[in-house]
Amino acid sequence: MAGRTSKKSVRAAKKAAAKRGAAKAVEPRKTAPASPSRTKPVLLTGGNPQIAKADGDAPVQAYIAAMPGWKSNVGRRLDALIVRTVPGVRKAVKWNSPFYGVEGKGWFLGVHCFTKYVKVAFFRGSSLRPVPPGPSKSKDTRYLDIYEDDELDEAQFAAWVKQASQLPGEWT
């Protein structure tokens, strides 16, 4: 019976292999954690990116890059318009939303992703002319909701941004 293996020895070999496999599964992985550039961003309710609270352009750009689908293009356009309209604009991510402000005056605008639209909050929007269309529970705040197929009136948006940046802001 040379070259043949008994059923008993085959079972013993399988059992030993299973034990070795189980032991390997229990061992902790020794690989380095994935770098942030390779990990998929965490999206909160409505597809809003979860980005750590931080000041500066880098966290705002991380938020924009993590915005899902068409919303990322909207985020890039809004950011570019704001930077062009308010040179030296101050940026930060707070409460999982990009904020734009003027040093010493506070925040004048915030952006937030929802399932079907991107919401721009003008914190002193009731003082802008014309007043942005979206009402708020706050008497001062007004909103602009941007849906996927909307045409953004860049001239009007820039005019609102310019006006808003010249008013006292929120959360200094």
Protein backbone atom coordinates (compact mmCIF):
# COMPACT_ATOMS: atom_id res chain seq x y z
CA MET A 1 0.00 0.00 0.00
CA ALA A 2 2.85 2.33 -0.63
CA GLY A 3 1.78 5.81 -1.75
CA ARG A 4 -1.72 5.47 -0.31
CA THR A 5 -2.89 7.40 2.74
CA SER A 6 -5.35 6.01 5.22
CA LYS A 7 -8.57 7.85 6.02
CA LYS A 8 -7.38 8.18 9.61
CA SER A 9 -4.13 9.95 8.65
CA VAL A 10 -5.99 12.27 6.23
CA ARG A 11 -8.39 13.29 9.02
CA ALA A 12 -5.47 13.87 11.38
CA ALA A 13 -3.70 16.04 8.78
CA LYS A 14 -6.88 18.10 8.18
CA LYS A 15 -7.36 18.54 11.92
CA ALA A 16 -3.77 19.71 12.37
CA ALA A 17 -4.10 22.12 9.44
CA ALA A 18 -7.34 23.49 10.87
CA LYS A 19 -5.66 24.08 14.22
CA ARG A 20 -2.77 25.89 12.56
CA GLY A 21 -5.22 28.00 10.52
CA ALA A 22 -7.27 28.85 13.60
CA ALA A 23 -4.14 29.86 15.45
CA LYS A 24 -3.21 32.20 12.61
CA ALA A 25 -6.65 33.79 12.57
CA VAL A 26 -6.36 34.64 16.26
CA GLU A 27 -2.96 36.31 15.90
CA PRO A 28 -3.15 40.10 15.57
CA ARG A 29 -2.37 41.49 12.14
CA LYS A 30 1.04 43.04 11.86
CA THR A 31 0.29 45.36 8.95
CA ALA A 32 0.48 49.13 9.22
CA PRO A 33 -2.85 50.95 9.33
CA ALA A 34 -4.02 52.25 5.98
CA SER A 35 -2.85 55.75 5.23
CA PRO A 36 -5.58 58.44 5.26
CA SER A 37 -5.17 58.91 1.51
CA ARG A 38 -6.16 55.28 0.89
CA THR A 39 -9.02 55.00 3.34
CA LYS A 40 -12.55 55.69 2.25
CA PRO A 41 -14.01 58.76 4.01
CA VAL A 42 -16.70 58.20 6.60
CA LEU A 43 -20.03 59.66 5.49
CA LEU A 44 -22.58 60.67 8.08
CA THR A 45 -26.33 60.93 7.60
CA GLY A 46 -27.21 62.36 4.22
CA GLY A 47 -23.71 61.77 2.85
CA ASN A 48 -22.05 64.52 4.87
CA PRO A 49 -18.31 63.73 5.22
CA GLN A 50 -16.94 63.25 8.72
CA ILE A 51 -13.81 65.37 8.88
CA ALA A 52 -11.97 66.17 12.09
CA LYS A 53 -12.36 69.70 13.43
CA ALA A 54 -9.38 71.79 12.30
CA ASP A 55 -8.39 75.23 11.00
CA GLY A 56 -6.96 75.91 7.56
CA ASP A 57 -7.35 75.01 3.93
CA ALA A 58 -6.25 71.34 4.26
CA PRO A 59 -9.28 70.12 6.26
CA VAL A 60 -11.64 72.04 3.96
CA GLN A 61 -10.02 70.41 0.92
CA ALA A 62 -10.31 67.00 2.64
CA TYR A 63 -14.02 67.67 3.19
CA ILE A 64 -14.51 68.69 -0.45
CA ALA A 65 -12.65 65.60 -1.69
CA ALA A 66 -14.85 63.40 0.51
CA MET A 67 -18.13 64.94 -0.67
CA PRO A 68 -19.95 62.14 -2.52
CA GLY A 69 -20.54 62.18 -6.28
CA TRP A 70 -21.58 65.45 -7.96
CA LYS A 71 -21.44 67.30 -4.63
CA SER A 72 -17.63 67.32 -4.72
CA ASN A 73 -17.69 69.35 -7.95
CA VAL A 74 -20.10 71.80 -6.33
CA GLY A 75 -17.80 72.04 -3.31
CA ARG A 76 -14.79 72.83 -5.50
CA ARG A 77 -16.73 75.52 -7.40
CA LEU A 78 -18.01 77.14 -4.20
CA ASP A 79 -14.56 77.08 -2.59
CA ALA A 80 -12.95 78.63 -5.70
CA LEU A 81 -15.62 81.36 -5.88
CA ILE A 82 -15.23 82.18 -2.19
CA VAL A 83 -11.41 82.34 -2.42
CA ARG A 84 -11.59 84.55 -5.53
CA THR A 85 -14.17 86.86 -3.95
CA VAL A 86 -12.55 87.15 -0.50
CA PRO A 87 -8.74 87.06 -0.81
CA GLY A 88 -7.19 85.74 2.40
CA VAL A 89 -10.44 84.10 3.53
CA ARG A 90 -10.08 82.08 6.72
CA LYS A 91 -11.16 78.42 6.50
CA ALA A 92 -11.92 75.66 8.99
CA VAL A 93 -13.96 72.52 9.44
CA LYS A 94 -16.25 72.66 12.46
CA TRP A 95 -19.20 70.40 13.24
CA ASN A 96 -18.40 68.36 10.07
CA SER A 97 -18.90 71.38 7.82
CA PRO A 98 -16.51 73.81 6.13
CA PHE A 99 -16.67 77.36 7.48
CA TYR A 100 -15.40 80.51 5.80
CA GLY A 101 -14.63 83.71 7.64
CA VAL A 102 -12.59 86.85 7.99
CA GLU A 103 -9.94 87.13 10.69
CA GLY A 104 -11.30 89.20 13.57
CA LYS A 105 -14.85 89.26 12.16
CA GLY A 106 -15.87 85.60 12.54
CA TRP A 107 -17.52 83.11 10.19
CA PHE A 108 -19.84 84.37 7.47
CA LEU A 109 -20.65 81.15 5.58
CA GLY A 110 -20.88 77.38 6.07
CA VAL A 111 -21.44 74.43 3.73
CA HIS A 112 -23.15 71.12 4.54
CA CYS A 113 -24.03 68.01 2.48
CA PHE A 114 -27.47 66.49 2.58
CA THR A 115 -28.77 63.45 0.69
CA LYS A 116 -30.06 65.36 -2.33
CA TYR A 117 -28.43 68.80 -2.08
CA VAL A 118 -25.62 70.95 -0.75
CA LYS A 119 -26.71 73.64 1.71
CA VAL A 120 -24.87 76.95 1.94
CA ALA A 121 -25.62 78.90 5.12
CA PHE A 122 -25.11 82.67 5.14
CA PHE A 123 -24.98 83.41 8.87
CA ARG A 124 -26.08 87.06 8.39
CA GLY A 125 -28.08 86.25 5.27
CA SER A 126 -31.11 88.36 6.20
CA SER A 127 -28.85 91.42 5.74
CA LEU A 128 -27.84 90.47 2.19
CA ARG A 129 -29.44 92.01 -0.91
CA PRO A 130 -31.27 90.29 -2.41
CA VAL A 131 -31.89 87.96 0.53
CA PRO A 132 -30.90 84.33 -0.25
CA PRO A 133 -34.03 82.22 -0.84
CA GLY A 134 -33.88 79.64 1.98
CA PRO A 135 -35.51 80.58 5.29
CA SER A 136 -34.15 79.57 8.69
CA LYS A 137 -35.37 79.23 12.25
CA SER A 138 -32.69 81.81 13.07
CA LYS A 139 -33.80 85.34 12.16
CA ASP A 140 -30.34 86.21 10.76
CA THR A 141 -29.43 83.04 8.82
CA ARG A 142 -30.53 82.39 5.23
CA TYR A 143 -29.78 79.38 3.04
CA LEU A 144 -29.04 78.52 -0.55
CA ASP A 145 -29.77 74.87 -1.44
CA ILE A 146 -27.96 73.55 -4.51
CA TYR A 147 -29.37 70.42 -6.17
CA GLU A 148 -27.58 68.24 -8.73
CA ASP A 149 -29.14 69.76 -11.84
CA ASP A 150 -29.22 73.38 -10.60
CA GLU A 151 -27.41 76.10 -12.50
CA LEU A 152 -25.43 78.11 -9.96
CA ASP A 153 -25.66 81.84 -10.59
CA GLU A 154 -21.98 82.51 -9.88
CA ALA A 155 -22.33 86.29 -10.11
CA GLN A 156 -25.13 86.32 -7.53
CA PHE A 157 -23.30 83.87 -5.29
CA ALA A 158 -20.12 85.98 -5.43
CA ALA A 159 -22.16 89.11 -4.61
CA TRP A 160 -23.64 87.39 -1.54
CA VAL A 161 -20.19 86.16 -0.46
CA LYS A 162 -18.70 89.65 -0.81
CA GLN A 163 -21.53 91.24 1.18
CA ALA A 164 -21.46 88.50 3.84
CA SER A 165 -17.70 88.82 4.30
CA GLN A 166 -18.09 92.50 5.17
CA LEU A 167 -20.63 91.87 7.96
CA PRO A 168 -19.83 90.82 11.51
CA GLY A 169 -19.71 87.01 11.55
CA GLU A 170 -20.66 84.18 13.88
CA TRP A 171 -18.56 82.02 16.22
CA THR A 172 -15.44 84.15 16.36
